[in-house]
Amino acid sequence: MANLAPSQLKDARKQAKSTLHNLTSGKDPTEDQTKACHGGTVKKLCERFLIKYVPQHLKQSTASEYRRSIDLFILPKLGRLIVKDVSRQDIIAIHHEMMTNTLSS
């Protein structure tokens, strides 16, 4: 189990209590995330990813690279699109661009 600072542990317990309360009240715990993913823009999704996921799960160097990739490749091409409207071809094009830029650097 990961070593957590007391403040992180306190926050995790608070979140768990909130989630449990929502579950016992009949609320779908994934409803907000589903709405945000399907109705929000790629920019908003990236912002949420960088705030909620990256700091807790990635080392600083990896987090910096994720931010750089999002800023350089994803947001300029897809940032204004609604997440559900992003196609497989959009992702392939960005991946190709990223690989081309990486190889030529």
PDB file of N, CA and C in Angstrom:
ATOM      1  N   MET A   1       0.833  -1.170   0.000  1.00  0.00           N
ATOM      2  CA  MET A   1       0.000   0.000   0.000  1.00  0.00           C
ATOM      3  C   MET A   1       0.880   1.235   0.000  1.00  0.00           C
ATOM      4  N   ALA A   2       0.484   2.255  -0.731  1.00  0.00           N
ATOM      5  CA  ALA A   2       1.265   3.479  -0.840  1.00  0.00           C
ATOM      6  C   ALA A   2       1.271   4.239   0.482  1.00  0.00           C
ATOM      7  N   ASN A   3       2.378   4.904   0.730  1.00  0.00           N
ATOM      8  CA  ASN A   3       2.456   5.755   1.912  1.00  0.00           C
ATOM      9  C   ASN A   3       1.791   7.079   1.596  1.00  0.00           C
ATOM     10  N   LEU A   4       0.793   7.440   2.375  1.00  0.00           N
ATOM     11  CA  LEU A   4       0.068   8.680   2.159  1.00  0.00           C
ATOM     12  C   LEU A   4       0.334   9.642   3.304  1.00  0.00           C
ATOM     13  N   ALA A   5       0.395  10.913   2.948  1.00  0.00           N
ATOM     14  CA  ALA A   5       0.499  11.940   3.976  1.00  0.00           C
ATOM     15  C   ALA A   5      -0.827  11.985   4.735  1.00  0.00           C
ATOM     16  N   PRO A   6      -0.821  12.413   5.979  1.00  0.00           N
ATOM     17  CA  PRO A   6      -2.073  12.474   6.743  1.00  0.00           C
ATOM     18  C   PRO A   6      -3.172  13.267   6.039  1.00  0.00           C
ATOM     19  N   SER A   7      -2.809  14.357   5.372  1.00  0.00           N
ATOM     20  CA  SER A   7      -3.832  15.152   4.677  1.00  0.00           C
ATOM     21  C   SER A   7      -4.425  14.377   3.500  1.00  0.00           C
ATOM     22  N   GLN A   8      -3.602  13.590   2.820  1.00  0.00           N
ATOM     23  CA  GLN A   8      -4.100  12.776   1.714  1.00  0.00           C
ATOM     24  C   GLN A   8      -5.035  11.687   2.229  1.00  0.00           C
ATOM     25  N   LEU A   9      -4.670  11.087   3.343  1.00  0.00           N
ATOM     26  CA  LEU A   9      -5.493  10.044   3.946  1.00  0.00           C
ATOM     27  C   LEU A   9      -6.832  10.620   4.396  1.00  0.00           C
ATOM     28  N   LYS A  10      -6.793  11.797   4.998  1.00  0.00           N
ATOM     29  CA  LYS A  10      -8.015  12.464   5.435  1.00  0.00           C
ATOM     30  C   LYS A  10      -8.915  12.762   4.231  1.00  0.00           C
ATOM     31  N   ASP A  11      -8.317  13.266   3.143  1.00  0.00           N
ATOM     32  CA  ASP A  11      -9.089  13.555   1.927  1.00  0.00           C
ATOM     33  C   ASP A  11      -9.678  12.282   1.331  1.00  0.00           C
ATOM     34  N   ALA A  12      -8.904  11.208   1.347  1.00  0.00           N
ATOM     35  CA  ALA A  12      -9.386   9.940   0.797  1.00  0.00           C
ATOM     36  C   ALA A  12     -10.567   9.410   1.614  1.00  0.00           C
ATOM     37  N   ARG A  13     -10.474   9.520   2.925  1.00  0.00           N
ATOM     38  CA  ARG A  13     -11.581   9.070   3.782  1.00  0.00           C
ATOM     39  C   ARG A  13     -12.835   9.919   3.541  1.00  0.00           C
ATOM     40  N   LYS A  14     -12.636  11.218   3.410  1.00  0.00           N
ATOM     41  CA  LYS A  14     -13.762  12.124   3.152  1.00  0.00           C
ATOM     42  C   LYS A  14     -14.438  11.767   1.827  1.00  0.00           C
ATOM     43  N   GLN A  15     -13.631  11.515   0.801  1.00  0.00           N
ATOM     44  CA  GLN A  15     -14.162  11.138  -0.514  1.00  0.00           C
ATOM     45  C   GLN A  15     -14.899   9.805  -0.426  1.00  0.00           C
ATOM     46  N   ALA A  16     -14.341   8.860   0.306  1.00  0.00           N
ATOM     47  CA  ALA A  16     -14.986   7.550   0.454  1.00  0.00           C
ATOM     48  C   ALA A  16     -16.334   7.673   1.155  1.00  0.00           C
ATOM     49  N   LYS A  17     -16.402   8.499   2.200  1.00  0.00           N
ATOM     50  CA  LYS A  17     -17.671   8.708   2.901  1.00  0.00           C
ATOM     51  C   LYS A  17     -18.704   9.350   1.977  1.00  0.00           C
ATOM     52  N   SER A  18     -18.256  10.309   1.197  1.00  0.00           N
ATOM     53  CA  SER A  18     -19.159  10.984   0.261  1.00  0.00           C
ATOM     54  C   SER A  18     -19.684  10.003  -0.789  1.00  0.00           C
ATOM     55  N   THR A  19     -18.793   9.185  -1.313  1.00  0.00           N
ATOM     56  CA  THR A  19     -19.175   8.192  -2.319  1.00  0.00           C
ATOM     57  C   THR A  19     -20.151   7.177  -1.729  1.00  0.00           C
ATOM     58  N   LEU A  20     -19.869   6.715  -0.531  1.00  0.00           N
ATOM     59  CA  LEU A  20     -20.760   5.764   0.128  1.00  0.00           C
ATOM     60  C   LEU A  20     -22.143   6.379   0.360  1.00  0.00           C
ATOM     61  N   HIS A  21     -22.179   7.632   0.791  1.00  0.00           N
ATOM     62  CA  HIS A  21     -23.453   8.331   0.989  1.00  0.00           C
ATOM     63  C   HIS A  21     -24.230   8.408  -0.325  1.00  0.00           C
ATOM     64  N   ASN A  22     -23.516   8.769  -1.401  1.00  0.00           N
ATOM     65  CA  ASN A  22     -24.173   8.858  -2.709  1.00  0.00           C
ATOM     66  C   ASN A  22     -24.719   7.508  -3.162  1.00  0.00           C
ATOM     67  N   LEU A  23     -23.961   6.461  -2.924  1.00  0.00           N
ATOM     68  CA  LEU A  23     -24.406   5.120  -3.308  1.00  0.00           C
ATOM     69  C   LEU A  23     -25.655   4.699  -2.537  1.00  0.00           C
ATOM     70  N   THR A  24     -25.647   4.955  -1.235  1.00  0.00           N
ATOM     71  CA  THR A  24     -26.805   4.567  -0.432  1.00  0.00           C
ATOM     72  C   THR A  24     -28.028   5.419  -0.751  1.00  0.00           C
ATOM     73  N   SER A  25     -27.787   6.592  -1.340  1.00  0.00           N
ATOM     74  CA  SER A  25     -28.901   7.467  -1.755  1.00  0.00           C
ATOM     75  C   SER A  25     -29.401   7.117  -3.153  1.00  0.00           C
ATOM     76  N   GLY A  26     -28.733   6.154  -3.802  1.00  0.00           N
ATOM     77  CA  GLY A  26     -29.163   5.728  -5.123  1.00  0.00           C
ATOM     78  C   GLY A  26     -28.523   6.484  -6.271  1.00  0.00           C
ATOM     79  N   LYS A  27     -27.532   7.316  -5.993  1.00  0.00           N
ATOM     80  CA  LYS A  27     -26.878   8.077  -7.055  1.00  0.00           C
ATOM     81  C   LYS A  27     -25.819   7.218  -7.747  1.00  0.00           C
ATOM     82  N   ASP A  28     -25.777   7.318  -9.071  1.00  0.00           N
ATOM     83  CA  ASP A  28     -24.767   6.615  -9.860  1.00  0.00           C
ATOM     84  C   ASP A  28     -23.427   7.328  -9.673  1.00  0.00           C
ATOM     85  N   PRO A  29     -22.406   6.648  -9.139  1.00  0.00           N
ATOM     86  CA  PRO A  29     -21.125   7.313  -8.881  1.00  0.00           C
ATOM     87  C   PRO A  29     -20.377   7.733 -10.147  1.00  0.00           C
ATOM     88  N   THR A  30     -20.746   7.183 -11.275  1.00  0.00           N
ATOM     89  CA  THR A  30     -20.068   7.545 -12.521  1.00  0.00           C
ATOM     90  C   THR A  30     -20.847   8.563 -13.348  1.00  0.00           C
ATOM     91  N   GLU A  31     -21.992   8.978 -12.858  1.00  0.00           N
ATOM     92  CA  GLU A  31     -22.854   9.868 -13.633  1.00  0.00           C
ATOM     93  C   GLU A  31     -22.165  11.185 -14.009  1.00  0.00           C
ATOM     94  N   ASP A  32     -21.522  11.835 -13.045  1.00  0.00           N
ATOM     95  CA  ASP A  32     -20.868  13.112 -13.325  1.00  0.00           C
ATOM     96  C   ASP A  32     -19.723  12.947 -14.315  1.00  0.00           C
ATOM     97  N   GLN A  33     -18.947  11.892 -14.131  1.00  0.00           N
ATOM     98  CA  GLN A  33     -17.839  11.647 -15.049  1.00  0.00           C
ATOM     99  C   GLN A  33     -18.351  11.348 -16.448  1.00  0.00           C
ATOM    100  N   THR A  34     -19.396  10.562 -16.537  1.00  0.00           N
ATOM    101  CA  THR A  34     -19.968  10.223 -17.849  1.00  0.00           C
ATOM    102  C   THR A  34     -20.485  11.468 -18.545  1.00  0.00           C
ATOM    103  N   LYS A  35     -21.191  12.311 -17.821  1.00  0.00           N
ATOM    104  CA  LYS A  35     -21.688  13.555 -18.408  1.00  0.00           C
ATOM    105  C   LYS A  35     -20.544  14.441 -18.872  1.00  0.00           C
ATOM    106  N   ALA A  36     -19.527  14.554 -18.039  1.00  0.00           N
ATOM    107  CA  ALA A  36     -18.391  15.406 -18.392  1.00  0.00           C
ATOM    108  C   ALA A  36     -17.660  14.880 -19.617  1.00  0.00           C
ATOM    109  N   CYS A  37     -17.497  13.579 -19.695  1.00  0.00           N
ATOM    110  CA  CYS A  37     -16.781  12.994 -20.830  1.00  0.00           C
ATOM    111  C   CYS A  37     -17.571  13.113 -22.123  1.00  0.00           C
ATOM    112  N   HIS A  38     -18.870  12.880 -22.051  1.00  0.00           N
ATOM    113  CA  HIS A  38     -19.666  12.860 -23.266  1.00  0.00           C
ATOM    114  C   HIS A  38     -20.154  14.238 -23.690  1.00  0.00           C
ATOM    115  N   GLY A  39     -20.290  15.152 -22.767  1.00  0.00           N
ATOM    116  CA  GLY A  39     -20.825  16.462 -23.106  1.00  0.00           C
ATOM    117  C   GLY A  39     -19.791  17.563 -23.101  1.00  0.00           C
ATOM    118  N   GLY A  40     -18.613  17.292 -22.561  1.00  0.00           N
ATOM    119  CA  GLY A  40     -17.582  18.307 -22.439  1.00  0.00           C
ATOM    120  C   GLY A  40     -16.612  18.283 -23.608  1.00  0.00           C
ATOM    121  N   THR A  41     -15.792  19.302 -23.632  1.00  0.00           N
ATOM    122  CA  THR A  41     -14.794  19.391 -24.688  1.00  0.00           C
ATOM    123  C   THR A  41     -13.544  18.597 -24.306  1.00  0.00           C
ATOM    124  N   VAL A  42     -12.723  18.336 -25.289  1.00  0.00           N
ATOM    125  CA  VAL A  42     -11.453  17.658 -25.045  1.00  0.00           C
ATOM    126  C   VAL A  42     -10.599  18.528 -24.127  1.00  0.00           C
ATOM    127  N   LYS A  43     -10.650  19.838 -24.301  1.00  0.00           N
ATOM    128  CA  LYS A  43      -9.876  20.735 -23.442  1.00  0.00           C
ATOM    129  C   LYS A  43     -10.266  20.555 -21.977  1.00  0.00           C
ATOM    130  N   LYS A  44     -11.564  20.533 -21.690  1.00  0.00           N
ATOM    131  CA  LYS A  44     -12.023  20.352 -20.316  1.00  0.00           C
ATOM    132  C   LYS A  44     -11.605  18.986 -19.768  1.00  0.00           C
ATOM    133  N   LEU A  45     -11.695  17.959 -20.602  1.00  0.00           N
ATOM    134  CA  LEU A  45     -11.285  16.619 -20.177  1.00  0.00           C
ATOM    135  C   LEU A  45      -9.795  16.587 -19.851  1.00  0.00           C
ATOM    136  N   CYS A  46      -8.992  17.222 -20.686  1.00  0.00           N
ATOM    137  CA  CYS A  46      -7.545  17.277 -20.437  1.00  0.00           C
ATOM    138  C   CYS A  46      -7.241  18.029 -19.146  1.00  0.00           C
ATOM    139  N   GLU A  47      -7.947  19.142 -18.926  1.00  0.00           N
ATOM    140  CA  GLU A  47      -7.749  19.903 -17.693  1.00  0.00           C
ATOM    141  C   GLU A  47      -8.068  19.041 -16.472  1.00  0.00           C
ATOM    142  N   ARG A  48      -9.186  18.342 -16.540  1.00  0.00           N
ATOM    143  CA  ARG A  48      -9.577  17.486 -15.420  1.00  0.00           C
ATOM    144  C   ARG A  48      -8.559  16.362 -15.213  1.00  0.00           C
ATOM    145  N   PHE A  49      -8.087  15.776 -16.286  1.00  0.00           N
ATOM    146  CA  PHE A  49      -7.076  14.717 -16.228  1.00  0.00           C
ATOM    147  C   PHE A  49      -5.799  15.231 -15.555  1.00  0.00           C
ATOM    148  N   LEU A  50      -5.356  16.429 -15.965  1.00  0.00           N
ATOM    149  CA  LEU A  50      -4.129  16.981 -15.415  1.00  0.00           C
ATOM    150  C   LEU A  50      -4.269  17.367 -13.942  1.00  0.00           C
ATOM    151  N   ILE A  51      -5.467  17.719 -13.524  1.00  0.00           N
ATOM    152  CA  ILE A  51      -5.686  18.112 -12.133  1.00  0.00           C
ATOM    153  C   ILE A  51      -5.962  16.920 -11.232  1.00  0.00           C
ATOM    154  N   LYS A  52      -6.819  16.016 -11.690  1.00  0.00           N
ATOM    155  CA  LYS A  52      -7.270  14.927 -10.810  1.00  0.00           C
ATOM    156  C   LYS A  52      -6.426  13.656 -10.898  1.00  0.00           C
ATOM    157  N   TYR A  53      -5.929  13.326 -12.058  1.00  0.00           N
ATOM    158  CA  TYR A  53      -5.239  12.047 -12.211  1.00  0.00           C
ATOM    159  C   TYR A  53      -3.717  12.179 -12.123  1.00  0.00           C
ATOM    160  N   VAL A  54      -3.181  13.078 -12.903  1.00  0.00           N
ATOM    161  CA  VAL A  54      -1.729  13.152 -13.067  1.00  0.00           C
ATOM    162  C   VAL A  54      -0.970  13.336 -11.747  1.00  0.00           C
ATOM    163  N   PRO A  55      -1.324  14.304 -10.898  1.00  0.00           N
ATOM    164  CA  PRO A  55      -0.524  14.492  -9.673  1.00  0.00           C
ATOM    165  C   PRO A  55      -0.514  13.280  -8.739  1.00  0.00           C
ATOM    166  N   GLN A  56      -1.589  12.522  -8.725  1.00  0.00           N
ATOM    167  CA  GLN A  56      -1.671  11.391  -7.807  1.00  0.00           C
ATOM    168  C   GLN A  56      -1.045  10.113  -8.354  1.00  0.00           C
ATOM    169  N   HIS A  57      -0.871  10.030  -9.668  1.00  0.00           N
ATOM    170  CA  HIS A  57      -0.461   8.752 -10.246  1.00  0.00           C
ATOM    171  C   HIS A  57       0.859   8.769 -11.018  1.00  0.00           C
ATOM    172  N   LEU A  58       1.405   9.947 -11.298  1.00  0.00           N
ATOM    173  CA  LEU A  58       2.604  10.001 -12.130  1.00  0.00           C
ATOM    174  C   LEU A  58       3.748  10.722 -11.439  1.00  0.00           C
ATOM    175  N   LYS A  59       4.953  10.318 -11.790  1.00  0.00           N
ATOM    176  CA  LYS A  59       6.127  11.040 -11.311  1.00  0.00           C
ATOM    177  C   LYS A  59       6.167  12.407 -11.996  1.00  0.00           C
ATOM    178  N   GLN A  60       6.887  13.339 -11.382  1.00  0.00           N
ATOM    179  CA  GLN A  60       6.934  14.711 -11.892  1.00  0.00           C
ATOM    180  C   GLN A  60       7.427  14.772 -13.335  1.00  0.00           C
ATOM    181  N   SER A  61       8.455  14.001 -13.674  1.00  0.00           N
ATOM    182  CA  SER A  61       8.991  14.049 -15.034  1.00  0.00           C
ATOM    183  C   SER A  61       7.971  13.537 -16.053  1.00  0.00           C
ATOM    184  N   THR A  62       7.247  12.489 -15.704  1.00  0.00           N
ATOM    185  CA  THR A  62       6.215  11.956 -16.588  1.00  0.00           C
ATOM    186  C   THR A  62       5.058  12.936 -16.694  1.00  0.00           C
ATOM    187  N   ALA A  63       4.681  13.543 -15.577  1.00  0.00           N
ATOM    188  CA  ALA A  63       3.605  14.537 -15.573  1.00  0.00           C
ATOM    189  C   ALA A  63       3.952  15.705 -16.485  1.00  0.00           C
ATOM    190  N   SER A  64       5.189  16.153 -16.440  1.00  0.00           N
ATOM    191  CA  SER A  64       5.625  17.259 -17.306  1.00  0.00           C
ATOM    192  C   SER A  64       5.526  16.882 -18.781  1.00  0.00           C
ATOM    193  N   GLU A  65       5.892  15.657 -19.083  1.00  0.00           N
ATOM    194  CA  GLU A  65       5.812  15.196 -20.474  1.00  0.00           C
ATOM    195  C   GLU A  65       4.362  15.088 -20.933  1.00  0.00           C
ATOM    196  N   TYR A  66       3.480  14.619 -20.077  1.00  0.00           N
ATOM    197  CA  TYR A  66       2.059  14.557 -20.413  1.00  0.00           C
ATOM    198  C   TYR A  66       1.522  15.953 -20.699  1.00  0.00           C
ATOM    199  N   ARG A  67       1.873  16.913 -19.828  1.00  0.00           N
ATOM    200  CA  ARG A  67       1.414  18.300 -20.033  1.00  0.00           C
ATOM    201  C   ARG A  67       1.927  18.839 -21.363  1.00  0.00           C
ATOM    202  N   ARG A  68       3.200  18.588 -21.642  1.00  0.00           N
ATOM    203  CA  ARG A  68       3.803  19.061 -22.888  1.00  0.00           C
ATOM    204  C   ARG A  68       3.094  18.454 -24.098  1.00  0.00           C
ATOM    205  N   SER A  69       2.833  17.168 -24.057  1.00  0.00           N
ATOM    206  CA  SER A  69       2.158  16.499 -25.171  1.00  0.00           C
ATOM    207  C   SER A  69       0.733  17.017 -25.356  1.00  0.00           C
ATOM    208  N   ILE A  70       0.043  17.229 -24.262  1.00  0.00           N
ATOM    209  CA  ILE A  70      -1.322  17.763 -24.347  1.00  0.00           C
ATOM    210  C   ILE A  70      -1.294  19.157 -24.959  1.00  0.00           C
ATOM    211  N   ASP A  71      -0.374  20.007 -24.481  1.00  0.00           N
ATOM    212  CA  ASP A  71      -0.294  21.383 -24.978  1.00  0.00           C
ATOM    213  C   ASP A  71       0.143  21.461 -26.441  1.00  0.00           C
ATOM    214  N   LEU A  72       1.092  20.606 -26.830  1.00  0.00           N
ATOM    215  CA  LEU A  72       1.637  20.680 -28.185  1.00  0.00           C
ATOM    216  C   LEU A  72       0.806  19.962 -29.240  1.00  0.00           C
ATOM    217  N   PHE A  73       0.214  18.841 -28.876  1.00  0.00           N
ATOM    218  CA  PHE A  73      -0.425  18.003 -29.880  1.00  0.00           C
ATOM    219  C   PHE A  73      -1.948  17.902 -29.758  1.00  0.00           C
ATOM    220  N   ILE A  74      -2.435  17.682 -28.569  1.00  0.00           N
ATOM    221  CA  ILE A  74      -3.859  17.386 -28.396  1.00  0.00           C
ATOM    222  C   ILE A  74      -4.726  18.634 -28.437  1.00  0.00           C
ATOM    223  N   LEU A  75      -4.398  19.623 -27.613  1.00  0.00           N
ATOM    224  CA  LEU A  75      -5.264  20.804 -27.543  1.00  0.00           C
ATOM    225  C   LEU A  75      -5.347  21.604 -28.842  1.00  0.00           C
ATOM    226  N   PRO A  76      -4.240  21.806 -29.544  1.00  0.00           N
ATOM    227  CA  PRO A  76      -4.366  22.570 -30.799  1.00  0.00           C
ATOM    228  C   PRO A  76      -5.278  21.889 -31.830  1.00  0.00           C
ATOM    229  N   LYS A  77      -5.281  20.578 -31.865  1.00  0.00           N
ATOM    230  CA  LYS A  77      -6.071  19.853 -32.868  1.00  0.00           C
ATOM    231  C   LYS A  77      -7.476  19.496 -32.396  1.00  0.00           C
ATOM    232  N   LEU A  78      -7.618  19.132 -31.126  1.00  0.00           N
ATOM    233  CA  LEU A  78      -8.887  18.582 -30.645  1.00  0.00           C
ATOM    234  C   LEU A  78      -9.527  19.370 -29.504  1.00  0.00           C
ATOM    235  N   GLY A  79      -8.843  20.350 -28.963  1.00  0.00           N
ATOM    236  CA  GLY A  79      -9.293  21.030 -27.768  1.00  0.00           C
ATOM    237  C   GLY A  79     -10.733  21.517 -27.787  1.00  0.00           C
ATOM    238  N   ARG A  80     -11.209  22.004 -28.945  1.00  0.00           N
ATOM    239  CA  ARG A  80     -12.562  22.553 -29.023  1.00  0.00           C
ATOM    240  C   ARG A  80     -13.629  21.503 -29.318  1.00  0.00           C
ATOM    241  N   LEU A  81     -13.213  20.304 -29.678  1.00  0.00           N
ATOM    242  CA  LEU A  81     -14.182  19.257 -30.013  1.00  0.00           C
ATOM    243  C   LEU A  81     -14.859  18.697 -28.770  1.00  0.00           C
ATOM    244  N   ILE A  82     -16.106  18.284 -28.938  1.00  0.00           N
ATOM    245  CA  ILE A  82     -16.814  17.549 -27.895  1.00  0.00           C
ATOM    246  C   ILE A  82     -16.207  16.141 -27.868  1.00  0.00           C
ATOM    247  N   VAL A  83     -15.959  15.623 -26.681  1.00  0.00           N
ATOM    248  CA  VAL A  83     -15.268  14.335 -26.534  1.00  0.00           C
ATOM    249  C   VAL A  83     -15.921  13.241 -27.374  1.00  0.00           C
ATOM    250  N   LYS A  84     -17.247  13.145 -27.347  1.00  0.00           N
ATOM    251  CA  LYS A  84     -17.913  12.059 -28.073  1.00  0.00           C
ATOM    252  C   LYS A  84     -17.787  12.200 -29.587  1.00  0.00           C
ATOM    253  N   ASP A  85     -17.381  13.388 -30.052  1.00  0.00           N
ATOM    254  CA  ASP A  85     -17.232  13.602 -31.488  1.00  0.00           C
ATOM    255  C   ASP A  85     -15.831  13.301 -32.008  1.00  0.00           C
ATOM    256  N   VAL A  86     -14.916  12.986 -31.121  1.00  0.00           N
ATOM    257  CA  VAL A  86     -13.546  12.661 -31.534  1.00  0.00           C
ATOM    258  C   VAL A  86     -13.555  11.285 -32.193  1.00  0.00           C
ATOM    259  N   SER A  87     -12.974  11.217 -33.372  1.00  0.00           N
ATOM    260  CA  SER A  87     -12.972   9.958 -34.122  1.00  0.00           C
ATOM    261  C   SER A  87     -11.648   9.217 -33.969  1.00  0.00           C
ATOM    262  N   ARG A  88     -11.677   7.991 -34.362  1.00  0.00           N
ATOM    263  CA  ARG A  88     -10.460   7.179 -34.377  1.00  0.00           C
ATOM    264  C   ARG A  88      -9.420   7.818 -35.302  1.00  0.00           C
ATOM    265  N   GLN A  89      -9.882   8.366 -36.400  1.00  0.00           N
ATOM    266  CA  GLN A  89      -8.967   9.020 -37.344  1.00  0.00           C
ATOM    267  C   GLN A  89      -8.293  10.243 -36.719  1.00  0.00           C
ATOM    268  N   ASP A  90      -9.021  10.980 -35.886  1.00  0.00           N
ATOM    269  CA  ASP A  90      -8.423  12.117 -35.170  1.00  0.00           C
ATOM    270  C   ASP A  90      -7.265  11.653 -34.300  1.00  0.00           C
ATOM    271  N   ILE A  91      -7.480  10.572 -33.588  1.00  0.00           N
ATOM    272  CA  ILE A  91      -6.448  10.035 -32.686  1.00  0.00           C
ATOM    273  C   ILE A  91      -5.256   9.511 -33.482  1.00  0.00           C
ATOM    274  N   ILE A  92      -5.523   8.823 -34.564  1.00  0.00           N
ATOM    275  CA  ILE A  92      -4.440   8.303 -35.411  1.00  0.00           C
ATOM    276  C   ILE A  92      -3.600   9.450 -35.963  1.00  0.00           C
ATOM    277  N   ALA A  93      -4.247  10.530 -36.401  1.00  0.00           N
ATOM    278  CA  ALA A  93      -3.525  11.682 -36.954  1.00  0.00           C
ATOM    279  C   ALA A  93      -2.615  12.319 -35.900  1.00  0.00           C
ATOM    280  N   ILE A  94      -3.127  12.468 -34.695  1.00  0.00           N
ATOM    281  CA  ILE A  94      -2.309  13.058 -33.629  1.00  0.00           C
ATOM    282  C   ILE A  94      -1.156  12.125 -33.266  1.00  0.00           C
ATOM    283  N   HIS A  95      -1.442  10.855 -33.168  1.00  0.00           N
ATOM    284  CA  HIS A  95      -0.384   9.891 -32.852  1.00  0.00           C
ATOM    285  C   HIS A  95       0.711   9.929 -33.913  1.00  0.00           C
ATOM    286  N   HIS A  96       0.313   9.983 -35.162  1.00  0.00           N
ATOM    287  CA  HIS A  96       1.284  10.053 -36.265  1.00  0.00           C
ATOM    288  C   HIS A  96       2.129  11.331 -36.146  1.00  0.00           C
ATOM    289  N   GLU A  97       1.476  12.445 -35.864  1.00  0.00           N
ATOM    290  CA  GLU A  97       2.190  13.716 -35.710  1.00  0.00           C
ATOM    291  C   GLU A  97       3.183  13.652 -34.553  1.00  0.00           C
ATOM    292  N   MET A  98       2.759  13.056 -33.454  1.00  0.00           N
ATOM    293  CA  MET A  98       3.634  12.937 -32.303  1.00  0.00           C
ATOM    294  C   MET A  98       4.851  12.070 -32.621  1.00  0.00           C
ATOM    295  N   MET A  99       4.619  10.967 -33.301  1.00  0.00           N
ATOM    296  CA  MET A  99       5.730  10.078 -33.651  1.00  0.00           C
ATOM    297  C   MET A  99       6.685  10.738 -34.631  1.00  0.00           C
ATOM    298  N   THR A 100       6.146  11.466 -35.594  1.00  0.00           N
ATOM    299  CA  THR A 100       6.973  12.146 -36.577  1.00  0.00           C
ATOM    300  C   THR A 100       7.841  13.211 -35.906  1.00  0.00           C
ATOM    301  N   ASN A 101       7.244  13.986 -35.013  1.00  0.00           N
ATOM    302  CA  ASN A 101       7.991  15.032 -34.303  1.00  0.00           C
ATOM    303  C   ASN A 101       9.032  14.442 -33.363  1.00  0.00           C
ATOM    304  N   THR A 102       8.709  13.344 -32.730  1.00  0.00           N
ATOM    305  CA  THR A 102       9.649  12.701 -31.808  1.00  0.00           C
ATOM    306  C   THR A 102      10.855  12.143 -32.572  1.00  0.00           C
ATOM    307  N   LEU A 103      10.587  11.512 -33.696  1.00  0.00           N
ATOM    308  CA  LEU A 103      11.648  10.914 -34.484  1.00  0.00           C
ATOM    309  C   LEU A 103      12.553  11.957 -35.127  1.00  0.00           C
ATOM    310  N   SER A 104      12.005  13.118 -35.481  1.00  0.00           N
ATOM    311  CA  SER A 104      12.806  14.142 -36.142  1.00  0.00           C
ATOM    312  C   SER A 104      13.552  15.034 -35.154  1.00  0.00           C
ATOM    313  N   SER A 105      13.260  14.883 -33.851  1.00  0.00           N
ATOM    314  CA  SER A 105      13.932  15.729 -32.834  1.00  0.00           C
ATOM    315  C   SER A 105      15.310  15.215 -32.527  1.00  0.00           C
TER     316      SER A 105
END
